[in-house]
All heavy atoms as atom14 arrays in JSON, in Angstrom:
{
  "sequence": "EKDPENVKKAFTFFIIQLALNAAWSVIFFYLHNPFLAL",
  "atom14_mask": [
    [1, 1, 1, 1, 1, 1, 1, 1, 1, 0, 0, 0, 0, 0],
    [1, 1, 1, 1, 1, 1, 1, 1, 1, 0, 0, 0, 0, 0],
    [1, 1, 1, 1, 1, 1, 1, 1, 0, 0, 0, 0, 0, 0],
    [1, 1, 1, 1, 1, 1, 1, 0, 0, 0, 0, 0, 0, 0],
    [1, 1, 1, 1, 1, 1, 1, 1, 1, 0, 0, 0, 0, 0],
    [1, 1, 1, 1, 1, 1, 1, 1, 0, 0, 0, 0, 0, 0],
    [1, 1, 1, 1, 1, 1, 1, 0, 0, 0, 0, 0, 0, 0],
    [1, 1, 1, 1, 1, 1, 1, 1, 1, 0, 0, 0, 0, 0],
    [1, 1, 1, 1, 1, 1, 1, 1, 1, 0, 0, 0, 0, 0],
    [1, 1, 1, 1, 1, 0, 0, 0, 0, 0, 0, 0, 0, 0],
    [1, 1, 1, 1, 1, 1, 1, 1, 1, 1, 1, 0, 0, 0],
    [1, 1, 1, 1, 1, 1, 1, 0, 0, 0, 0, 0, 0, 0],
    [1, 1, 1, 1, 1, 1, 1, 1, 1, 1, 1, 0, 0, 0],
    [1, 1, 1, 1, 1, 1, 1, 1, 1, 1, 1, 0, 0, 0],
    [1, 1, 1, 1, 1, 1, 1, 1, 0, 0, 0, 0, 0, 0],
    [1, 1, 1, 1, 1, 1, 1, 1, 0, 0, 0, 0, 0, 0],
    [1, 1, 1, 1, 1, 1, 1, 1, 1, 0, 0, 0, 0, 0],
    [1, 1, 1, 1, 1, 1, 1, 1, 0, 0, 0, 0, 0, 0],
    [1, 1, 1, 1, 1, 0, 0, 0, 0, 0, 0, 0, 0, 0],
    [1, 1, 1, 1, 1, 1, 1, 1, 0, 0, 0, 0, 0, 0],
    [1, 1, 1, 1, 1, 1, 1, 1, 0, 0, 0, 0, 0, 0],
    [1, 1, 1, 1, 1, 0, 0, 0, 0, 0, 0, 0, 0, 0],
    [1, 1, 1, 1, 1, 0, 0, 0, 0, 0, 0, 0, 0, 0],
    [1, 1, 1, 1, 1, 1, 1, 1, 1, 1, 1, 1, 1, 1],
    [1, 1, 1, 1, 1, 1, 0, 0, 0, 0, 0, 0, 0, 0],
    [1, 1, 1, 1, 1, 1, 1, 0, 0, 0, 0, 0, 0, 0],
    [1, 1, 1, 1, 1, 1, 1, 1, 0, 0, 0, 0, 0, 0],
    [1, 1, 1, 1, 1, 1, 1, 1, 1, 1, 1, 0, 0, 0],
    [1, 1, 1, 1, 1, 1, 1, 1, 1, 1, 1, 0, 0, 0],
    [1, 1, 1, 1, 1, 1, 1, 1, 1, 1, 1, 1, 0, 0],
    [1, 1, 1, 1, 1, 1, 1, 1, 0, 0, 0, 0, 0, 0],
    [1, 1, 1, 1, 1, 1, 1, 1, 1, 1, 0, 0, 0, 0],
    [1, 1, 1, 1, 1, 1, 1, 1, 0, 0, 0, 0, 0, 0],
    [1, 1, 1, 1, 1, 1, 1, 0, 0, 0, 0, 0, 0, 0],
    [1, 1, 1, 1, 1, 1, 1, 1, 1, 1, 1, 0, 0, 0],
    [1, 1, 1, 1, 1, 1, 1, 1, 0, 0, 0, 0, 0, 0],
    [1, 1, 1, 1, 1, 0, 0, 0, 0, 0, 0, 0, 0, 0],
    [1, 1, 1, 1, 1, 1, 1, 1, 0, 0, 0, 0, 0, 0]
  ],
  "atom14_positions": [
    [[-0.5, -19.12, 13.64], [-1.18, -20.17, 14.4], [-1.57, -19.7, 15.81], [-2.59, -20.11, 16.33], [-0.31, -21.42, 14.48], [-0.19, -22.12, 13.14], [0.69, -23.36, 13.22], [0.97, -23.86, 14.33], [1.1, -23.82, 12.14], [0.0, 0.0, 0.0], [0.0, 0.0, 0.0], [0.0, 0.0, 0.0], [0.0, 0.0, 0.0], [0.0, 0.0, 0.0]],
    [[-0.75, -18.83, 16.4], [-1.02, -18.36, 17.76], [-2.09, -17.27, 17.81], [-2.79, -17.13, 18.8], [0.26, -17.83, 18.4], [1.29, -18.89, 18.66], [2.54, -18.3, 19.27], [3.6, -19.38, 19.44], [4.86, -18.83, 19.92], [0.0, 0.0, 0.0], [0.0, 0.0, 0.0], [0.0, 0.0, 0.0], [0.0, 0.0, 0.0], [0.0, 0.0, 0.0]],
    [[-2.18, -16.46, 16.75], [-3.07, -15.3, 16.77], [-3.63, -15.04, 15.36], [-3.39, -13.98, 14.78], [-2.28, -14.09, 17.28], [-3.16, -12.93, 17.67], [-4.39, -13.02, 17.55], [-2.59, -11.9, 18.09], [0.0, 0.0, 0.0], [0.0, 0.0, 0.0], [0.0, 0.0, 0.0], [0.0, 0.0, 0.0], [0.0, 0.0, 0.0], [0.0, 0.0, 0.0]],
    [[-4.41, -15.99, 14.82], [-4.84, -15.88, 13.42], [-5.65, -14.63, 13.09], [-5.46, -14.03, 12.04], [-5.66, -17.15, 13.18], [-5.98, -17.7, 14.52], [-4.93, -17.18, 15.47], [0.0, 0.0, 0.0], [0.0, 0.0, 0.0], [0.0, 0.0, 0.0], [0.0, 0.0, 0.0], [0.0, 0.0, 0.0], [0.0, 0.0, 0.0], [0.0, 0.0, 0.0]],
    [[-6.52, -14.21, 13.97], [-7.37, -13.06, 13.7], [-6.55, -11.78, 13.55], [-6.7, -11.04, 12.58], [-8.4, -12.89, 14.8], [-9.44, -11.83, 14.49], [-10.53, -11.77, 15.54], [-11.0, -12.84, 15.99], [-10.88, -10.65, 15.92], [0.0, 0.0, 0.0], [0.0, 0.0, 0.0], [0.0, 0.0, 0.0], [0.0, 0.0, 0.0], [0.0, 0.0, 0.0]],
    [[-5.64, -11.54, 14.5], [-4.82, -10.33, 14.43], [-3.81, -10.37, 13.29], [-3.52, -9.34, 12.67], [-4.11, -10.07, 15.76], [-5.06, -9.49, 16.78], [-5.96, -8.74, 16.45], [-4.86, -9.85, 18.04], [0.0, 0.0, 0.0], [0.0, 0.0, 0.0], [0.0, 0.0, 0.0], [0.0, 0.0, 0.0], [0.0, 0.0, 0.0], [0.0, 0.0, 0.0]],
    [[-3.27, -11.55, 13.0], [-2.32, -11.67, 11.89], [-3.01, -11.37, 10.57], [-2.48, -10.63, 9.73], [-1.64, -13.05, 11.89], [-0.86, -13.29, 10.6], [-0.72, -13.19, 13.1], [0.0, 0.0, 0.0], [0.0, 0.0, 0.0], [0.0, 0.0, 0.0], [0.0, 0.0, 0.0], [0.0, 0.0, 0.0], [0.0, 0.0, 0.0], [0.0, 0.0, 0.0]],
    [[-4.21, -11.91, 10.38], [-4.94, -11.65, 9.14], [-5.28, -10.16, 9.0], [-5.16, -9.59, 7.91], [-6.21, -12.5, 9.08], [-5.9, -13.97, 8.84], [-7.15, -14.82, 8.89], [-6.77, -16.29, 8.77], [-7.93, -17.17, 8.94], [0.0, 0.0, 0.0], [0.0, 0.0, 0.0], [0.0, 0.0, 0.0], [0.0, 0.0, 0.0], [0.0, 0.0, 0.0]],
    [[-5.66, -9.53, 10.09], [-5.94, -8.09, 10.07], [-4.67, -7.31, 9.72], [-4.69, -6.4, 8.89], [-6.48, -7.64, 11.42], [-6.86, -6.18, 11.48], [-7.43, -5.83, 12.84], [-7.78, -4.37, 12.93], [-8.26, -3.98, 14.26], [0.0, 0.0, 0.0], [0.0, 0.0, 0.0], [0.0, 0.0, 0.0], [0.0, 0.0, 0.0], [0.0, 0.0, 0.0]],
    [[-3.57, -7.67, 10.35], [-2.29, -6.99, 10.08], [-1.88, -7.16, 8.63], [-1.4, -6.21, 8.0], [-1.21, -7.54, 11.02], [0.0, 0.0, 0.0], [0.0, 0.0, 0.0], [0.0, 0.0, 0.0], [0.0, 0.0, 0.0], [0.0, 0.0, 0.0], [0.0, 0.0, 0.0], [0.0, 0.0, 0.0], [0.0, 0.0, 0.0], [0.0, 0.0, 0.0]],
    [[-2.08, -8.36, 8.07], [-1.71, -8.6, 6.68], [-2.59, -7.85, 5.7], [-2.14, -7.49, 4.62], [-1.68, -10.08, 6.36], [-0.42, -10.75, 6.79], [-0.42, -12.07, 7.2], [0.78, -10.07, 6.81], [0.74, -12.68, 7.61], [1.96, -10.67, 7.23], [1.94, -11.99, 7.62], [0.0, 0.0, 0.0], [0.0, 0.0, 0.0], [0.0, 0.0, 0.0]],
    [[-3.82, -7.58, 6.08], [-4.68, -6.76, 5.23], [-4.05, -5.39, 5.05], [-3.91, -4.89, 3.93], [-6.09, -6.64, 5.84], [-6.65, -7.96, 5.93], [-6.98, -5.75, 5.0], [0.0, 0.0, 0.0], [0.0, 0.0, 0.0], [0.0, 0.0, 0.0], [0.0, 0.0, 0.0], [0.0, 0.0, 0.0], [0.0, 0.0, 0.0], [0.0, 0.0, 0.0]],
    [[-3.62, -4.79, 6.17], [-2.96, -3.48, 6.08], [-1.62, -3.58, 5.37], [-1.25, -2.68, 4.61], [-2.81, -2.87, 7.48], [-4.11, -2.39, 8.04], [-4.77, -3.1, 9.02], [-4.7, -1.22, 7.57], [-5.98, -2.67, 9.53], [-5.91, -0.77, 8.07], [-6.56, -1.5, 9.04], [0.0, 0.0, 0.0], [0.0, 0.0, 0.0], [0.0, 0.0, 0.0]],
    [[-0.88, -4.65, 5.61], [0.42, -4.84, 4.96], [0.26, -4.86, 3.44], [1.01, -4.2, 2.71], [1.07, -6.14, 5.45], [2.47, -6.33, 4.96], [3.54, -5.75, 5.62], [2.73, -7.1, 3.84], [4.84, -5.92, 5.17], [4.02, -7.28, 3.39], [5.09, -6.69, 4.06], [0.0, 0.0, 0.0], [0.0, 0.0, 0.0], [0.0, 0.0, 0.0]],
    [[-0.72, -5.61, 2.96], [-0.95, -5.72, 1.52], [-1.39, -4.37, 0.94], [-0.92, -3.96, -0.13], [-1.99, -6.83, 1.22], [-1.37, -8.2, 1.53], [-2.48, -6.77, -0.22], [-2.37, -9.33, 1.64], [0.0, 0.0, 0.0], [0.0, 0.0, 0.0], [0.0, 0.0, 0.0], [0.0, 0.0, 0.0], [0.0, 0.0, 0.0], [0.0, 0.0, 0.0]],
    [[-2.25, -3.67, 1.66], [-2.7, -2.36, 1.19], [-1.53, -1.38, 1.11], [-1.37, -0.67, 0.11], [-3.83, -1.8, 2.08], [-5.09, -2.66, 1.95], [-4.13, -0.34, 1.74], [-6.14, -2.38, 3.0], [0.0, 0.0, 0.0], [0.0, 0.0, 0.0], [0.0, 0.0, 0.0], [0.0, 0.0, 0.0], [0.0, 0.0, 0.0], [0.0, 0.0, 0.0]],
    [[-0.67, -1.37, 2.14], [0.45, -0.43, 2.1], [1.43, -0.79, 0.99], [2.01, 0.08, 0.36], [1.15, -0.3, 3.46], [1.91, -1.48, 3.96], [3.29, -1.67, 3.36], [3.91, -0.73, 2.89], [3.77, -2.89, 3.39], [0.0, 0.0, 0.0], [0.0, 0.0, 0.0], [0.0, 0.0, 0.0], [0.0, 0.0, 0.0], [0.0, 0.0, 0.0]],
    [[1.59, -2.07, 0.72], [2.49, -2.48, -0.35], [1.93, -2.04, -1.71], [2.68, -1.57, -2.58], [2.69, -4.01, -0.3], [3.97, -4.58, -0.85], [5.21, -3.9, -0.28], [4.02, -6.08, -0.58], [0.0, 0.0, 0.0], [0.0, 0.0, 0.0], [0.0, 0.0, 0.0], [0.0, 0.0, 0.0], [0.0, 0.0, 0.0], [0.0, 0.0, 0.0]],
    [[0.63, -2.16, -1.88], [-0.01, -1.7, -3.12], [0.1, -0.18, -3.26], [0.38, 0.34, -4.35], [-1.48, -2.14, -3.15], [0.0, 0.0, 0.0], [0.0, 0.0, 0.0], [0.0, 0.0, 0.0], [0.0, 0.0, 0.0], [0.0, 0.0, 0.0], [0.0, 0.0, 0.0], [0.0, 0.0, 0.0], [0.0, 0.0, 0.0], [0.0, 0.0, 0.0]],
    [[-0.1, 0.54, -2.15], [0.04, 2.0, -2.18], [1.48, 2.42, -2.44], [1.73, 3.43, -3.1], [-0.47, 2.61, -0.88], [-1.99, 2.56, -0.68], [-2.36, 2.96, 0.74], [-2.7, 3.44, -1.7], [0.0, 0.0, 0.0], [0.0, 0.0, 0.0], [0.0, 0.0, 0.0], [0.0, 0.0, 0.0], [0.0, 0.0, 0.0], [0.0, 0.0, 0.0]],
    [[2.41, 1.63, -1.95], [3.83, 1.87, -2.21], [4.09, 1.88, -3.72], [4.69, 2.8, -4.26], [4.65, 0.79, -1.5], [6.13, 0.94, -1.64], [6.64, 1.09, -2.75], [6.83, 0.88, -0.54], [0.0, 0.0, 0.0], [0.0, 0.0, 0.0], [0.0, 0.0, 0.0], [0.0, 0.0, 0.0], [0.0, 0.0, 0.0], [0.0, 0.0, 0.0]],
    [[3.61, 0.84, -4.39], [3.8, 0.73, -5.84], [3.01, 1.81, -6.57], [3.5, 2.4, -7.55], [3.38, -0.66, -6.31], [0.0, 0.0, 0.0], [0.0, 0.0, 0.0], [0.0, 0.0, 0.0], [0.0, 0.0, 0.0], [0.0, 0.0, 0.0], [0.0, 0.0, 0.0], [0.0, 0.0, 0.0], [0.0, 0.0, 0.0], [0.0, 0.0, 0.0]],
    [[1.81, 2.1, -6.1], [0.95, 3.09, -6.77], [1.58, 4.48, -6.74], [1.45, 5.24, -7.72], [-0.42, 3.12, -6.1], [0.0, 0.0, 0.0], [0.0, 0.0, 0.0], [0.0, 0.0, 0.0], [0.0, 0.0, 0.0], [0.0, 0.0, 0.0], [0.0, 0.0, 0.0], [0.0, 0.0, 0.0], [0.0, 0.0, 0.0], [0.0, 0.0, 0.0]],
    [[2.28, 4.81, -5.67], [2.9, 6.13, -5.6], [3.88, 6.33, -6.75], [3.89, 7.39, -7.38], [3.61, 6.35, -4.25], [4.15, 7.74, -4.17], [3.5, 8.85, -3.72], [5.44, 8.18, -4.62], [4.31, 9.95, -3.86], [5.5, 9.57, -4.41], [6.54, 7.54, -5.17], [6.63, 10.33, -4.73], [7.66, 8.29, -5.51], [7.7, 9.67, -5.28]],
    [[4.69, 5.34, -7.03], [5.66, 5.46, -8.13], [4.96, 5.68, -9.47], [5.42, 6.48, -10.29], [6.53, 4.2, -8.21], [7.33, 4.09, -7.07], [0.0, 0.0, 0.0], [0.0, 0.0, 0.0], [0.0, 0.0, 0.0], [0.0, 0.0, 0.0], [0.0, 0.0, 0.0], [0.0, 0.0, 0.0], [0.0, 0.0, 0.0], [0.0, 0.0, 0.0]],
    [[3.87, 4.99, -9.66], [3.11, 5.14, -10.91], [2.55, 6.57, -11.0], [2.67, 7.23, -12.03], [1.97, 4.1, -11.0], [1.05, 4.39, -12.18], [2.54, 2.69, -11.1], [0.0, 0.0, 0.0], [0.0, 0.0, 0.0], [0.0, 0.0, 0.0], [0.0, 0.0, 0.0], [0.0, 0.0, 0.0], [0.0, 0.0, 0.0], [0.0, 0.0, 0.0]],
    [[1.95, 7.03, -9.91], [1.33, 8.36, -9.91], [2.37, 9.46, -10.09], [2.2, 10.37, -10.91], [0.5, 8.58, -8.63], [-0.67, 7.6, -8.59], [0.01, 10.02, -8.54], [-1.34, 7.5, -7.22], [0.0, 0.0, 0.0], [0.0, 0.0, 0.0], [0.0, 0.0, 0.0], [0.0, 0.0, 0.0], [0.0, 0.0, 0.0], [0.0, 0.0, 0.0]],
    [[3.45, 9.39, -9.33], [4.45, 10.46, -9.38], [5.27, 10.39, -10.66], [5.38, 11.37, -11.39], [5.36, 10.38, -8.15], [6.27, 11.56, -8.01], [5.87, 12.69, -7.29], [7.53, 11.58, -8.6], [6.71, 13.79, -7.17], [8.37, 12.68, -8.48], [7.96, 13.78, -7.76], [0.0, 0.0, 0.0], [0.0, 0.0, 0.0], [0.0, 0.0, 0.0]],
    [[5.87, 9.23, -10.94], [6.83, 9.14, -12.03], [6.22, 8.82, -13.39], [6.68, 9.31, -14.42], [7.92, 8.12, -11.7], [8.9, 8.61, -10.68], [8.85, 8.15, -9.38], [9.85, 9.56, -11.01], [9.75, 8.61, -8.43], [10.76, 10.03, -10.07], [10.7, 9.56, -8.78], [0.0, 0.0, 0.0], [0.0, 0.0, 0.0], [0.0, 0.0, 0.0]],
    [[5.21, 7.97, -13.43], [4.62, 7.6, -14.72], [3.59, 8.63, -15.17], [3.58, 9.06, -16.32], [4.02, 6.2, -14.66], [3.48, 5.72, -15.98], [4.35, 5.3, -16.99], [2.11, 5.7, -16.23], [3.86, 4.88, -18.21], [1.62, 5.27, -17.44], [2.49, 4.87, -18.43], [2.01, 4.45, -19.65], [0.0, 0.0, 0.0], [0.0, 0.0, 0.0]],
    [[2.71, 9.03, -14.23], [1.68, 10.01, -14.57], [2.18, 11.46, -14.45], [1.48, 12.38, -14.85], [0.45, 9.81, -13.67], [-0.27, 8.47, -13.79], [-1.44, 8.41, -12.82], [-0.73, 8.22, -15.23], [0.0, 0.0, 0.0], [0.0, 0.0, 0.0], [0.0, 0.0, 0.0], [0.0, 0.0, 0.0], [0.0, 0.0, 0.0], [0.0, 0.0, 0.0]],
    [[3.37, 11.63, -13.84], [3.95, 12.97, -13.65], [2.99, 13.88, -12.9], [2.8, 15.03, -13.28], [4.35, 13.59, -14.99], [5.29, 12.78, -15.79], [5.52, 13.01, -17.12], [6.08, 11.72, -15.47], [6.4, 12.15, -17.58], [6.76, 11.35, -16.59], [0.0, 0.0, 0.0], [0.0, 0.0, 0.0], [0.0, 0.0, 0.0], [0.0, 0.0, 0.0]],
    [[2.45, 13.36, -11.81], [1.44, 14.11, -11.07], [1.82, 14.23, -9.59], [1.33, 13.46, -8.75], [0.07, 13.44, -11.23], [-1.07, 14.31, -10.79], [-0.92, 15.14, -9.9], [-2.23, 14.12, -11.4], [0.0, 0.0, 0.0], [0.0, 0.0, 0.0], [0.0, 0.0, 0.0], [0.0, 0.0, 0.0], [0.0, 0.0, 0.0], [0.0, 0.0, 0.0]],
    [[2.68, 15.17, -9.24], [3.1, 15.32, -7.84], [1.96, 15.63, -6.87], [2.0, 15.21, -5.72], [4.11, 16.48, -7.88], [4.63, 16.48, -9.28], [3.45, 16.05, -10.12], [0.0, 0.0, 0.0], [0.0, 0.0, 0.0], [0.0, 0.0, 0.0], [0.0, 0.0, 0.0], [0.0, 0.0, 0.0], [0.0, 0.0, 0.0], [0.0, 0.0, 0.0]],
    [[0.92, 16.35, -7.33], [-0.18, 16.66, -6.41], [-0.97, 15.41, -6.06], [-1.23, 15.15, -4.87], [-1.11, 17.73, -7.0], [-2.26, 18.04, -6.07], [-2.03, 18.73, -4.88], [-3.55, 17.63, -6.37], [-3.07, 19.0, -4.01], [-4.59, 17.9, -5.51], [-4.36, 18.59, -4.32], [0.0, 0.0, 0.0], [0.0, 0.0, 0.0], [0.0, 0.0, 0.0]],
    [[-1.35, 14.63, -7.05], [-2.08, 13.38, -6.77], [-1.2, 12.43, -5.96], [-1.68, 11.74, -5.05], [-2.55, 12.73, -8.07], [-3.44, 11.5, -7.93], [-4.68, 11.81, -7.1], [-3.83, 10.99, -9.32], [0.0, 0.0, 0.0], [0.0, 0.0, 0.0], [0.0, 0.0, 0.0], [0.0, 0.0, 0.0], [0.0, 0.0, 0.0], [0.0, 0.0, 0.0]],
    [[0.09, 12.41, -6.27], [1.03, 11.58, -5.51], [1.09, 12.03, -4.05], [1.2, 11.2, -3.14], [2.41, 11.63, -6.14], [0.0, 0.0, 0.0], [0.0, 0.0, 0.0], [0.0, 0.0, 0.0], [0.0, 0.0, 0.0], [0.0, 0.0, 0.0], [0.0, 0.0, 0.0], [0.0, 0.0, 0.0], [0.0, 0.0, 0.0], [0.0, 0.0, 0.0]],
    [[0.99, 13.33, -3.82], [0.99, 13.85, -2.45], [-0.24, 13.37, -1.69], [-0.14, 12.92, -0.55], [1.05, 15.38, -2.46], [0.95, 16.07, -1.1], [2.08, 15.64, -0.17], [0.94, 17.58, -1.29], [0.0, 0.0, 0.0], [0.0, 0.0, 0.0], [0.0, 0.0, 0.0], [0.0, 0.0, 0.0], [0.0, 0.0, 0.0], [0.0, 0.0, 0.0]]
  ]
}
């Protein structure tokens, strides 16, 4: 409520990093691809 524009921007990055967090596990452990995971 105090800073809607900056909070929404911050949450965009938060959501992206959370998705990348999950994606790393898939790439490294499920796809067995350490280079792509890197």
